[in-house]
Amino acid sequence: MKLVFKPGTATGLLAACVLLGWSLSASAASPADCQAYATRVQAGTGSVAGSAGRGAVRGAAFGAIVGDSSKSARKGAAWGAAAGGVRKSVTKNEVYKQAYDNCMAGLVKY
């Protein structure tokens, strides 16, 4: 018996595969896979403590220059540490959210 495929047969087979849930592409990432991917991306952005330390040094320098006293330098260091830590924390959250969303949309290979 000879199998003969007519031009419409391939389209019908493809439609049947789609209806049955078969896909020619790779499977979509699960939320757990995307969470792991986003966590790995977030880990590469640096630490909150490091940013707070840099902020403290910069704040102390600014306080010493502007205030001309050690009290001003301490206040500047405290404000700089707080600002640096908060800024890095916000950045890390944004990086995580962007990486997770991109993964769920299928835009990255994890």
PDB file of N, CA and C in Angstrom:
ATOM      1  N   MET A   1       0.839  -1.171   0.000  1.00  0.00           N
ATOM      2  CA  MET A   1       0.000   0.000   0.000  1.00  0.00           C
ATOM      3  C   MET A   1       0.884   1.234   0.000  1.00  0.00           C
ATOM      4  N   LYS A   2       0.577   2.155  -0.812  1.00  0.00           N
ATOM      5  CA  LYS A   2       1.357   3.367  -0.981  1.00  0.00           C
ATOM      6  C   LYS A   2       0.638   4.518  -0.273  1.00  0.00           C
ATOM      7  N   LEU A   3       1.398   5.246   0.571  1.00  0.00           N
ATOM      8  CA  LEU A   3       0.818   6.399   1.264  1.00  0.00           C
ATOM      9  C   LEU A   3       1.003   7.647   0.415  1.00  0.00           C
ATOM     10  N   VAL A   4      -0.065   8.316   0.188  1.00  0.00           N
ATOM     11  CA  VAL A   4      -0.025   9.543  -0.584  1.00  0.00           C
ATOM     12  C   VAL A   4      -0.595  10.656   0.282  1.00  0.00           C
ATOM     13  N   PHE A   5       0.209  11.708   0.451  1.00  0.00           N
ATOM     14  CA  PHE A   5      -0.247  12.854   1.236  1.00  0.00           C
ATOM     15  C   PHE A   5      -0.646  13.971   0.295  1.00  0.00           C
ATOM     16  N   LYS A   6      -1.803  14.453   0.483  1.00  0.00           N
ATOM     17  CA  LYS A   6      -2.275  15.575  -0.305  1.00  0.00           C
ATOM     18  C   LYS A   6      -1.824  16.859   0.383  1.00  0.00           C
ATOM     19  N   PRO A   7      -1.784  17.986  -0.300  1.00  0.00           N
ATOM     20  CA  PRO A   7      -1.305  19.232   0.291  1.00  0.00           C
ATOM     21  C   PRO A   7      -2.011  19.626   1.580  1.00  0.00           C
ATOM     22  N   GLY A   8      -3.285  19.356   1.722  1.00  0.00           N
ATOM     23  CA  GLY A   8      -4.022  19.736   2.920  1.00  0.00           C
ATOM     24  C   GLY A   8      -3.771  18.816   4.105  1.00  0.00           C
ATOM     25  N   THR A   9      -3.164  17.663   3.874  1.00  0.00           N
ATOM     26  CA  THR A   9      -2.950  16.692   4.941  1.00  0.00           C
ATOM     27  C   THR A   9      -1.959  17.201   5.974  1.00  0.00           C
ATOM     28  N   ALA A  10      -0.888  17.821   5.540  1.00  0.00           N
ATOM     29  CA  ALA A  10       0.118  18.339   6.472  1.00  0.00           C
ATOM     30  C   ALA A  10      -0.491  19.411   7.369  1.00  0.00           C
ATOM     31  N   THR A  11      -1.315  20.245   6.805  1.00  0.00           N
ATOM     32  CA  THR A  11      -1.981  21.278   7.592  1.00  0.00           C
ATOM     33  C   THR A  11      -2.911  20.644   8.611  1.00  0.00           C
ATOM     34  N   GLY A  12      -3.604  19.597   8.213  1.00  0.00           N
ATOM     35  CA  GLY A  12      -4.497  18.900   9.122  1.00  0.00           C
ATOM     36  C   GLY A  12      -3.749  18.235  10.266  1.00  0.00           C
ATOM     37  N   LEU A  13      -2.593  17.636   9.962  1.00  0.00           N
ATOM     38  CA  LEU A  13      -1.783  17.010  11.007  1.00  0.00           C
ATOM     39  C   LEU A  13      -1.261  18.053  11.988  1.00  0.00           C
ATOM     40  N   LEU A  14      -0.819  19.182  11.480  1.00  0.00           N
ATOM     41  CA  LEU A  14      -0.336  20.258  12.342  1.00  0.00           C
ATOM     42  C   LEU A  14      -1.459  20.783  13.233  1.00  0.00           C
ATOM     43  N   ALA A  15      -2.641  20.935  12.673  1.00  0.00           N
ATOM     44  CA  ALA A  15      -3.783  21.402  13.459  1.00  0.00           C
ATOM     45  C   ALA A  15      -4.137  20.391  14.547  1.00  0.00           C
ATOM     46  N   ALA A  16      -4.065  19.094  14.222  1.00  0.00           N
ATOM     47  CA  ALA A  16      -4.357  18.053  15.217  1.00  0.00           C
ATOM     48  C   ALA A  16      -3.345  18.095  16.350  1.00  0.00           C
ATOM     49  N   CYS A  17      -2.065  18.305  16.012  1.00  0.00           N
ATOM     50  CA  CYS A  17      -1.022  18.404  17.048  1.00  0.00           C
ATOM     51  C   CYS A  17      -1.286  19.586  17.973  1.00  0.00           C
ATOM     52  N   VAL A  18      -1.672  20.698  17.385  1.00  0.00           N
ATOM     53  CA  VAL A  18      -1.939  21.889  18.192  1.00  0.00           C
ATOM     54  C   VAL A  18      -3.152  21.651  19.091  1.00  0.00           C
ATOM     55  N   LEU A  19      -4.191  21.036  18.551  1.00  0.00           N
ATOM     56  CA  LEU A  19      -5.393  20.775  19.338  1.00  0.00           C
ATOM     57  C   LEU A  19      -5.120  19.794  20.478  1.00  0.00           C
ATOM     58  N   LEU A  20      -4.214  18.861  20.265  1.00  0.00           N
ATOM     59  CA  LEU A  20      -3.894  17.880  21.294  1.00  0.00           C
ATOM     60  C   LEU A  20      -2.879  18.404  22.302  1.00  0.00           C
ATOM     61  N   GLY A  21      -2.383  19.601  22.075  1.00  0.00           N
ATOM     62  CA  GLY A  21      -1.456  20.202  23.022  1.00  0.00           C
ATOM     63  C   GLY A  21      -0.009  19.892  22.735  1.00  0.00           C
ATOM     64  N   TRP A  22       0.278  19.331  21.605  1.00  0.00           N
ATOM     65  CA  TRP A  22       1.664  19.053  21.260  1.00  0.00           C
ATOM     66  C   TRP A  22       2.249  20.301  20.644  1.00  0.00           C
ATOM     67  N   SER A  23       3.502  20.500  20.926  1.00  0.00           N
ATOM     68  CA  SER A  23       4.150  21.699  20.415  1.00  0.00           C
ATOM     69  C   SER A  23       5.473  21.327  19.770  1.00  0.00           C
ATOM     70  N   LEU A  24       5.838  22.049  18.755  1.00  0.00           N
ATOM     71  CA  LEU A  24       7.126  21.827  18.108  1.00  0.00           C
ATOM     72  C   LEU A  24       8.251  22.564  18.828  1.00  0.00           C
ATOM     73  N   SER A  25       7.908  23.509  19.669  1.00  0.00           N
ATOM     74  CA  SER A  25       8.924  24.270  20.390  1.00  0.00           C
ATOM     75  C   SER A  25       9.136  23.676  21.778  1.00  0.00           C
ATOM     76  N   ALA A  26      10.112  24.228  22.498  1.00  0.00           N
ATOM     77  CA  ALA A  26      10.402  23.769  23.849  1.00  0.00           C
ATOM     78  C   ALA A  26       9.246  24.132  24.782  1.00  0.00           C
ATOM     79  N   SER A  27       9.144  23.391  25.862  1.00  0.00           N
ATOM     80  CA  SER A  27       8.059  23.662  26.805  1.00  0.00           C
ATOM     81  C   SER A  27       8.292  24.978  27.534  1.00  0.00           C
ATOM     82  N   ALA A  28       7.206  25.564  27.992  1.00  0.00           N
ATOM     83  CA  ALA A  28       7.285  26.843  28.701  1.00  0.00           C
ATOM     84  C   ALA A  28       7.906  26.637  30.083  1.00  0.00           C
ATOM     85  N   ALA A  29       8.532  27.668  30.575  1.00  0.00           N
ATOM     86  CA  ALA A  29       9.156  27.608  31.893  1.00  0.00           C
ATOM     87  C   ALA A  29       8.094  27.636  32.983  1.00  0.00           C
ATOM     88  N   SER A  30       8.345  26.882  34.035  1.00  0.00           N
ATOM     89  CA  SER A  30       7.415  26.886  35.158  1.00  0.00           C
ATOM     90  C   SER A  30       7.740  28.070  36.068  1.00  0.00           C
ATOM     91  N   PRO A  31       6.818  28.457  36.921  1.00  0.00           N
ATOM     92  CA  PRO A  31       7.103  29.542  37.866  1.00  0.00           C
ATOM     93  C   PRO A  31       8.306  29.241  38.762  1.00  0.00           C
ATOM     94  N   ALA A  32       8.485  27.975  39.137  1.00  0.00           N
ATOM     95  CA  ALA A  32       9.638  27.608  39.971  1.00  0.00           C
ATOM     96  C   ALA A  32      10.948  27.783  39.208  1.00  0.00           C
ATOM     97  N   ASP A  33      10.956  27.412  37.921  1.00  0.00           N
ATOM     98  CA  ASP A  33      12.154  27.604  37.097  1.00  0.00           C
ATOM     99  C   ASP A  33      12.481  29.087  36.966  1.00  0.00           C
ATOM    100  N   CYS A  34      11.460  29.893  36.742  1.00  0.00           N
ATOM    101  CA  CYS A  34      11.678  31.333  36.578  1.00  0.00           C
ATOM    102  C   CYS A  34      12.097  31.983  37.892  1.00  0.00           C
ATOM    103  N   GLN A  35      11.589  31.481  39.001  1.00  0.00           N
ATOM    104  CA  GLN A  35      12.000  32.004  40.299  1.00  0.00           C
ATOM    105  C   GLN A  35      13.479  31.713  40.534  1.00  0.00           C
ATOM    106  N   ALA A  36      13.915  30.504  40.210  1.00  0.00           N
ATOM    107  CA  ALA A  36      15.328  30.154  40.369  1.00  0.00           C
ATOM    108  C   ALA A  36      16.202  30.999  39.448  1.00  0.00           C
ATOM    109  N   TYR A  37      15.756  31.199  38.210  1.00  0.00           N
ATOM    110  CA  TYR A  37      16.507  32.028  37.262  1.00  0.00           C
ATOM    111  C   TYR A  37      16.621  33.465  37.775  1.00  0.00           C
ATOM    112  N   ALA A  38      15.512  34.033  38.227  1.00  0.00           N
ATOM    113  CA  ALA A  38      15.518  35.422  38.707  1.00  0.00           C
ATOM    114  C   ALA A  38      16.396  35.578  39.944  1.00  0.00           C
ATOM    115  N   THR A  39      16.408  34.576  40.804  1.00  0.00           N
ATOM    116  CA  THR A  39      17.259  34.625  41.991  1.00  0.00           C
ATOM    117  C   THR A  39      18.733  34.621  41.600  1.00  0.00           C
ATOM    118  N   ARG A  40      19.087  33.807  40.582  1.00  0.00           N
ATOM    119  CA  ARG A  40      20.485  33.789  40.112  1.00  0.00           C
ATOM    120  C   ARG A  40      20.877  35.131  39.504  1.00  0.00           C
ATOM    121  N   VAL A  41      19.982  35.720  38.736  1.00  0.00           N
ATOM    122  CA  VAL A  41      20.275  37.027  38.137  1.00  0.00           C
ATOM    123  C   VAL A  41      20.424  38.085  39.231  1.00  0.00           C
ATOM    124  N   GLN A  42      19.542  38.048  40.205  1.00  0.00           N
ATOM    125  CA  GLN A  42      19.565  39.024  41.300  1.00  0.00           C
ATOM    126  C   GLN A  42      20.848  38.912  42.116  1.00  0.00           C
ATOM    127  N   ALA A  43      21.354  37.702  42.286  1.00  0.00           N
ATOM    128  CA  ALA A  43      22.562  37.495  43.089  1.00  0.00           C
ATOM    129  C   ALA A  43      23.780  38.164  42.450  1.00  0.00           C
ATOM    130  N   GLY A  44      23.744  38.360  41.151  1.00  0.00           N
ATOM    131  CA  GLY A  44      24.868  38.980  40.463  1.00  0.00           C
ATOM    132  C   GLY A  44      24.892  40.495  40.517  1.00  0.00           C
ATOM    133  N   THR A  45      23.956  41.108  41.223  1.00  0.00           N
ATOM    134  CA  THR A  45      23.889  42.568  41.244  1.00  0.00           C
ATOM    135  C   THR A  45      24.647  43.197  42.403  1.00  0.00           C
ATOM    136  N   GLY A  46      25.270  42.404  43.255  1.00  0.00           N
ATOM    137  CA  GLY A  46      25.994  42.965  44.396  1.00  0.00           C
ATOM    138  C   GLY A  46      25.167  42.889  45.662  1.00  0.00           C
ATOM    139  N   SER A  47      25.782  43.294  46.757  1.00  0.00           N
ATOM    140  CA  SER A  47      25.098  43.165  48.045  1.00  0.00           C
ATOM    141  C   SER A  47      24.597  44.513  48.562  1.00  0.00           C
ATOM    142  N   VAL A  48      23.578  44.442  49.382  1.00  0.00           N
ATOM    143  CA  VAL A  48      23.024  45.636  50.016  1.00  0.00           C
ATOM    144  C   VAL A  48      24.039  46.202  51.008  1.00  0.00           C
ATOM    145  N   ALA A  49      24.738  45.310  51.724  1.00  0.00           N
ATOM    146  CA  ALA A  49      25.730  45.763  52.705  1.00  0.00           C
ATOM    147  C   ALA A  49      26.878  46.517  52.037  1.00  0.00           C
ATOM    148  N   GLY A  50      27.320  46.029  50.891  1.00  0.00           N
ATOM    149  CA  GLY A  50      28.396  46.713  50.173  1.00  0.00           C
ATOM    150  C   GLY A  50      27.980  48.096  49.723  1.00  0.00           C
ATOM    151  N   SER A  51      26.778  48.206  49.240  1.00  0.00           N
ATOM    152  CA  SER A  51      26.275  49.508  48.817  1.00  0.00           C
ATOM    153  C   SER A  51      26.087  50.442  50.007  1.00  0.00           C
ATOM    154  N   ALA A  52      25.633  49.888  51.127  1.00  0.00           N
ATOM    155  CA  ALA A  52      25.480  50.710  52.333  1.00  0.00           C
ATOM    156  C   ALA A  52      26.845  51.192  52.819  1.00  0.00           C
ATOM    157  N   GLY A  53      27.845  50.335  52.724  1.00  0.00           N
ATOM    158  CA  GLY A  53      29.201  50.731  53.125  1.00  0.00           C
ATOM    159  C   GLY A  53      29.751  51.855  52.257  1.00  0.00           C
ATOM    160  N   ARG A  54      29.571  51.732  50.961  1.00  0.00           N
ATOM    161  CA  ARG A  54      30.018  52.797  50.058  1.00  0.00           C
ATOM    162  C   ARG A  54      29.252  54.090  50.330  1.00  0.00           C
ATOM    163  N   GLY A  55      27.959  53.967  50.603  1.00  0.00           N
ATOM    164  CA  GLY A  55      27.160  55.151  50.924  1.00  0.00           C
ATOM    165  C   GLY A  55      27.630  55.808  52.206  1.00  0.00           C
ATOM    166  N   ALA A  56      28.023  54.994  53.187  1.00  0.00           N
ATOM    167  CA  ALA A  56      28.508  55.542  54.456  1.00  0.00           C
ATOM    168  C   ALA A  56      29.797  56.325  54.254  1.00  0.00           C
ATOM    169  N   VAL A  57      30.703  55.775  53.459  1.00  0.00           N
ATOM    170  CA  VAL A  57      31.974  56.467  53.195  1.00  0.00           C
ATOM    171  C   VAL A  57      31.717  57.782  52.463  1.00  0.00           C
ATOM    172  N   ARG A  58      30.882  57.739  51.452  1.00  0.00           N
ATOM    173  CA  ARG A  58      30.581  58.962  50.703  1.00  0.00           C
ATOM    174  C   ARG A  58      29.856  59.981  51.579  1.00  0.00           C
ATOM    175  N   GLY A  59      28.912  59.506  52.401  1.00  0.00           N
ATOM    176  CA  GLY A  59      28.185  60.410  53.293  1.00  0.00           C
ATOM    177  C   GLY A  59      29.090  61.029  54.337  1.00  0.00           C
ATOM    178  N   ALA A  60      30.038  60.237  54.862  1.00  0.00           N
ATOM    179  CA  ALA A  60      30.979  60.764  55.850  1.00  0.00           C
ATOM    180  C   ALA A  60      31.862  61.838  55.226  1.00  0.00           C
ATOM    181  N   ALA A  61      32.328  61.578  54.006  1.00  0.00           N
ATOM    182  CA  ALA A  61      33.162  62.571  53.320  1.00  0.00           C
ATOM    183  C   ALA A  61      32.373  63.852  53.072  1.00  0.00           C
ATOM    184  N   PHE A  62      31.147  63.701  52.613  1.00  0.00           N
ATOM    185  CA  PHE A  62      30.327  64.873  52.356  1.00  0.00           C
ATOM    186  C   PHE A  62      30.043  65.637  53.653  1.00  0.00           C
ATOM    187  N   GLY A  63      29.701  64.911  54.720  1.00  0.00           N
ATOM    188  CA  GLY A  63      29.423  65.558  56.005  1.00  0.00           C
ATOM    189  C   GLY A  63      30.637  66.272  56.560  1.00  0.00           C
ATOM    190  N   ALA A  64      31.818  65.683  56.397  1.00  0.00           N
ATOM    191  CA  ALA A  64      33.042  66.315  56.897  1.00  0.00           C
ATOM    192  C   ALA A  64      33.370  67.578  56.110  1.00  0.00           C
ATOM    193  N   ILE A  65      33.123  67.545  54.799  1.00  0.00           N
ATOM    194  CA  ILE A  65      33.433  68.714  53.969  1.00  0.00           C
ATOM    195  C   ILE A  65      32.448  69.846  54.245  1.00  0.00           C
ATOM    196  N   VAL A  66      31.178  69.503  54.278  1.00  0.00           N
ATOM    197  CA  VAL A  66      30.141  70.524  54.434  1.00  0.00           C
ATOM    198  C   VAL A  66      30.045  71.020  55.872  1.00  0.00           C
ATOM    199  N   GLY A  67      30.104  70.107  56.836  1.00  0.00           N
ATOM    200  CA  GLY A  67      29.857  70.479  58.224  1.00  0.00           C
ATOM    201  C   GLY A  67      31.095  70.860  59.013  1.00  0.00           C
ATOM    202  N   ASP A  68      32.281  70.490  58.555  1.00  0.00           N
ATOM    203  CA  ASP A  68      33.534  70.802  59.236  1.00  0.00           C
ATOM    204  C   ASP A  68      33.580  70.285  60.671  1.00  0.00           C
ATOM    205  N   SER A  69      32.958  69.124  60.941  1.00  0.00           N
ATOM    206  CA  SER A  69      33.055  68.538  62.273  1.00  0.00           C
ATOM    207  C   SER A  69      32.846  67.034  62.182  1.00  0.00           C
ATOM    208  N   SER A  70      33.294  66.327  63.220  1.00  0.00           N
ATOM    209  CA  SER A  70      33.131  64.874  63.216  1.00  0.00           C
ATOM    210  C   SER A  70      31.664  64.490  63.398  1.00  0.00           C
ATOM    211  N   LYS A  71      30.909  65.357  64.071  1.00  0.00           N
ATOM    212  CA  LYS A  71      29.481  65.091  64.252  1.00  0.00           C
ATOM    213  C   LYS A  71      28.771  65.115  62.894  1.00  0.00           C
ATOM    214  N   SER A  72      29.122  66.055  62.061  1.00  0.00           N
ATOM    215  CA  SER A  72      28.542  66.137  60.714  1.00  0.00           C
ATOM    216  C   SER A  72      28.956  64.927  59.881  1.00  0.00           C
ATOM    217  N   ALA A  73      30.188  64.484  60.067  1.00  0.00           N
ATOM    218  CA  ALA A  73      30.664  63.312  59.333  1.00  0.00           C
ATOM    219  C   ALA A  73      29.889  62.066  59.753  1.00  0.00           C
ATOM    220  N   ARG A  74      29.610  61.919  61.045  1.00  0.00           N
ATOM    221  CA  ARG A  74      28.827  60.770  61.521  1.00  0.00           C
ATOM    222  C   ARG A  74      27.403  60.804  60.974  1.00  0.00           C
ATOM    223  N   LYS A  75      26.797  61.977  60.992  1.00  0.00           N
ATOM    224  CA  LYS A  75      25.446  62.098  60.440  1.00  0.00           C
ATOM    225  C   LYS A  75      25.439  61.781  58.941  1.00  0.00           C
ATOM    226  N   GLY A  76      26.435  62.305  58.245  1.00  0.00           N
ATOM    227  CA  GLY A  76      26.538  62.035  56.805  1.00  0.00           C
ATOM    228  C   GLY A  76      26.730  60.554  56.524  1.00  0.00           C
ATOM    229  N   ALA A  77      27.535  59.893  57.358  1.00  0.00           N
ATOM    230  CA  ALA A  77      27.758  58.456  57.180  1.00  0.00           C
ATOM    231  C   ALA A  77      26.469  57.680  57.406  1.00  0.00           C
ATOM    232  N   ALA A  78      25.714  58.062  58.428  1.00  0.00           N
ATOM    233  CA  ALA A  78      24.454  57.367  58.712  1.00  0.00           C
ATOM    234  C   ALA A  78      23.465  57.540  57.561  1.00  0.00           C
ATOM    235  N   TRP A  79      23.321  58.772  57.090  1.00  0.00           N
ATOM    236  CA  TRP A  79      22.397  59.024  55.980  1.00  0.00           C
ATOM    237  C   TRP A  79      22.880  58.338  54.697  1.00  0.00           C
ATOM    238  N   GLY A  80      24.176  58.371  54.475  1.00  0.00           N
ATOM    239  CA  GLY A  80      24.723  57.722  53.277  1.00  0.00           C
ATOM    240  C   GLY A  80      24.528  56.217  53.300  1.00  0.00           C
ATOM    241  N   ALA A  81      24.728  55.607  54.468  1.00  0.00           N
ATOM    242  CA  ALA A  81      24.528  54.162  54.584  1.00  0.00           C
ATOM    243  C   ALA A  81      23.068  53.798  54.338  1.00  0.00           C
ATOM    244  N   ALA A  82      22.166  54.560  54.918  1.00  0.00           N
ATOM    245  CA  ALA A  82      20.741  54.283  54.728  1.00  0.00           C
ATOM    246  C   ALA A  82      20.344  54.444  53.258  1.00  0.00           C
ATOM    247  N   ALA A  83      20.791  55.528  52.658  1.00  0.00           N
ATOM    248  CA  ALA A  83      20.433  55.783  51.259  1.00  0.00           C
ATOM    249  C   ALA A  83      21.032  54.721  50.337  1.00  0.00           C
ATOM    250  N   GLY A  84      22.287  54.357  50.569  1.00  0.00           N
ATOM    251  CA  GLY A  84      22.928  53.340  49.730  1.00  0.00           C
ATOM    252  C   GLY A  84      22.260  51.987  49.859  1.00  0.00           C
ATOM    253  N   GLY A  85      21.914  51.610  51.080  1.00  0.00           N
ATOM    254  CA  GLY A  85      21.242  50.329  51.295  1.00  0.00           C
ATOM    255  C   GLY A  85      19.865  50.275  50.673  1.00  0.00           C
ATOM    256  N   VAL A  86      19.101  51.330  50.837  1.00  0.00           N
ATOM    257  CA  VAL A  86      17.747  51.377  50.264  1.00  0.00           C
ATOM    258  C   VAL A  86      17.813  51.364  48.746  1.00  0.00           C
ATOM    259  N   ARG A  87      18.738  52.125  48.194  1.00  0.00           N
ATOM    260  CA  ARG A  87      18.854  52.184  46.733  1.00  0.00           C
ATOM    261  C   ARG A  87      19.196  50.812  46.157  1.00  0.00           C
ATOM    262  N   LYS A  88      20.147  50.101  46.776  1.00  0.00           N
ATOM    263  CA  LYS A  88      20.533  48.786  46.277  1.00  0.00           C
ATOM    264  C   LYS A  88      19.395  47.780  46.444  1.00  0.00           C
ATOM    265  N   SER A  89      18.666  47.878  47.546  1.00  0.00           N
ATOM    266  CA  SER A  89      17.536  46.976  47.778  1.00  0.00           C
ATOM    267  C   SER A  89      16.470  47.151  46.696  1.00  0.00           C
ATOM    268  N   VAL A  90      16.172  48.386  46.365  1.00  0.00           N
ATOM    269  CA  VAL A  90      15.188  48.663  45.317  1.00  0.00           C
ATOM    270  C   VAL A  90      15.687  48.144  43.974  1.00  0.00           C
ATOM    271  N   THR A  91      16.967  48.356  43.684  1.00  0.00           N
ATOM    272  CA  THR A  91      17.545  47.885  42.424  1.00  0.00           C
ATOM    273  C   THR A  91      17.468  46.368  42.322  1.00  0.00           C
ATOM    274  N   LYS A  92      17.806  45.668  43.413  1.00  0.00           N
ATOM    275  CA  LYS A  92      17.751  44.210  43.410  1.00  0.00           C
ATOM    276  C   LYS A  92      16.327  43.714  43.178  1.00  0.00           C
ATOM    277  N   ASN A  93      15.349  44.362  43.774  1.00  0.00           N
ATOM    278  CA  ASN A  93      13.957  43.964  43.565  1.00  0.00           C
ATOM    279  C   ASN A  93      13.523  44.179  42.120  1.00  0.00           C
ATOM    280  N   GLU A  94      13.946  45.292  41.527  1.00  0.00           N
ATOM    281  CA  GLU A  94      13.604  45.570  40.136  1.00  0.00           C
ATOM    282  C   GLU A  94      14.244  44.561  39.193  1.00  0.00           C
ATOM    283  N   VAL A  95      15.509  44.206  39.461  1.00  0.00           N
ATOM    284  CA  VAL A  95      16.213  43.227  38.635  1.00  0.00           C
ATOM    285  C   VAL A  95      15.507  41.875  38.722  1.00  0.00           C
ATOM    286  N   TYR A  96      15.129  41.462  39.937  1.00  0.00           N
ATOM    287  CA  TYR A  96      14.432  40.191  40.126  1.00  0.00           C
ATOM    288  C   TYR A  96      13.116  40.172  39.344  1.00  0.00           C
ATOM    289  N   LYS A  97      12.335  41.228  39.498  1.00  0.00           N
ATOM    290  CA  LYS A  97      11.028  41.276  38.829  1.00  0.00           C
ATOM    291  C   LYS A  97      11.179  41.241  37.312  1.00  0.00           C
ATOM    292  N   GLN A  98      12.139  41.983  36.790  1.00  0.00           N
ATOM    293  CA  GLN A  98      12.353  42.008  35.340  1.00  0.00           C
ATOM    294  C   GLN A  98      12.796  40.637  34.822  1.00  0.00           C
ATOM    295  N   ALA A  99      13.720  39.990  35.546  1.00  0.00           N
ATOM    296  CA  ALA A  99      14.199  38.673  35.129  1.00  0.00           C
ATOM    297  C   ALA A  99      13.069  37.643  35.182  1.00  0.00           C
ATOM    298  N   TYR A 100      12.266  37.682  36.238  1.00  0.00           N
ATOM    299  CA  TYR A 100      11.142  36.738  36.374  1.00  0.00           C
ATOM    300  C   TYR A 100      10.129  36.943  35.260  1.00  0.00           C
ATOM    301  N   ASP A 101       9.776  38.191  35.007  1.00  0.00           N
ATOM    302  CA  ASP A 101       8.790  38.487  33.959  1.00  0.00           C
ATOM    303  C   ASP A 101       9.299  38.068  32.582  1.00  0.00           C
ATOM    304  N   ASN A 102      10.572  38.329  32.306  1.00  0.00           N
ATOM    305  CA  ASN A 102      11.148  37.936  31.019  1.00  0.00           C
ATOM    306  C   ASN A 102      11.153  36.419  30.868  1.00  0.00           C
ATOM    307  N   CYS A 103      11.460  35.713  31.948  1.00  0.00           N
ATOM    308  CA  CYS A 103      11.467  34.252  31.902  1.00  0.00           C
ATOM    309  C   CYS A 103      10.058  33.709  31.647  1.00  0.00           C
ATOM    310  N   MET A 104       9.078  34.235  32.360  1.00  0.00           N
ATOM    311  CA  MET A 104       7.711  33.759  32.188  1.00  0.00           C
ATOM    312  C   MET A 104       7.178  34.064  30.785  1.00  0.00           C
ATOM    313  N   ALA A 105       7.680  35.140  30.190  1.00  0.00           N
ATOM    314  CA  ALA A 105       7.253  35.496  28.834  1.00  0.00           C
ATOM    315  C   ALA A 105       7.995  34.674  27.775  1.00  0.00           C
ATOM    316  N   GLY A 106       8.969  33.881  28.211  1.00  0.00           N
ATOM    317  CA  GLY A 106       9.728  33.059  27.267  1.00  0.00           C
ATOM    318  C   GLY A 106      10.809  33.815  26.534  1.00  0.00           C
ATOM    319  N   LEU A 107      11.241  34.943  27.054  1.00  0.00           N
ATOM    320  CA  LEU A 107      12.232  35.767  26.375  1.00  0.00           C
ATOM    321  C   LEU A 107      13.678  35.368  26.678  1.00  0.00           C
ATOM    322  N   VAL A 108      13.878  34.486  27.663  1.00  0.00           N
ATOM    323  CA  VAL A 108      15.237  34.084  28.041  1.00  0.00           C
ATOM    324  C   VAL A 108      15.325  32.579  28.113  1.00  0.00           C
ATOM    325  N   LYS A 109      16.540  32.070  27.962  1.00  0.00           N
ATOM    326  CA  LYS A 109      16.823  30.662  28.187  1.00  0.00           C
ATOM    327  C   LYS A 109      17.402  30.544  29.562  1.00  0.00           C
ATOM    328  N   TYR A 110      16.783  29.819  30.443  1.00  0.00           N
ATOM    329  CA  TYR A 110      17.250  29.721  31.818  1.00  0.00           C
ATOM    330  C   TYR A 110      18.132  28.539  32.030  1.00  0.00           C
TER     331      TYR A 110
END
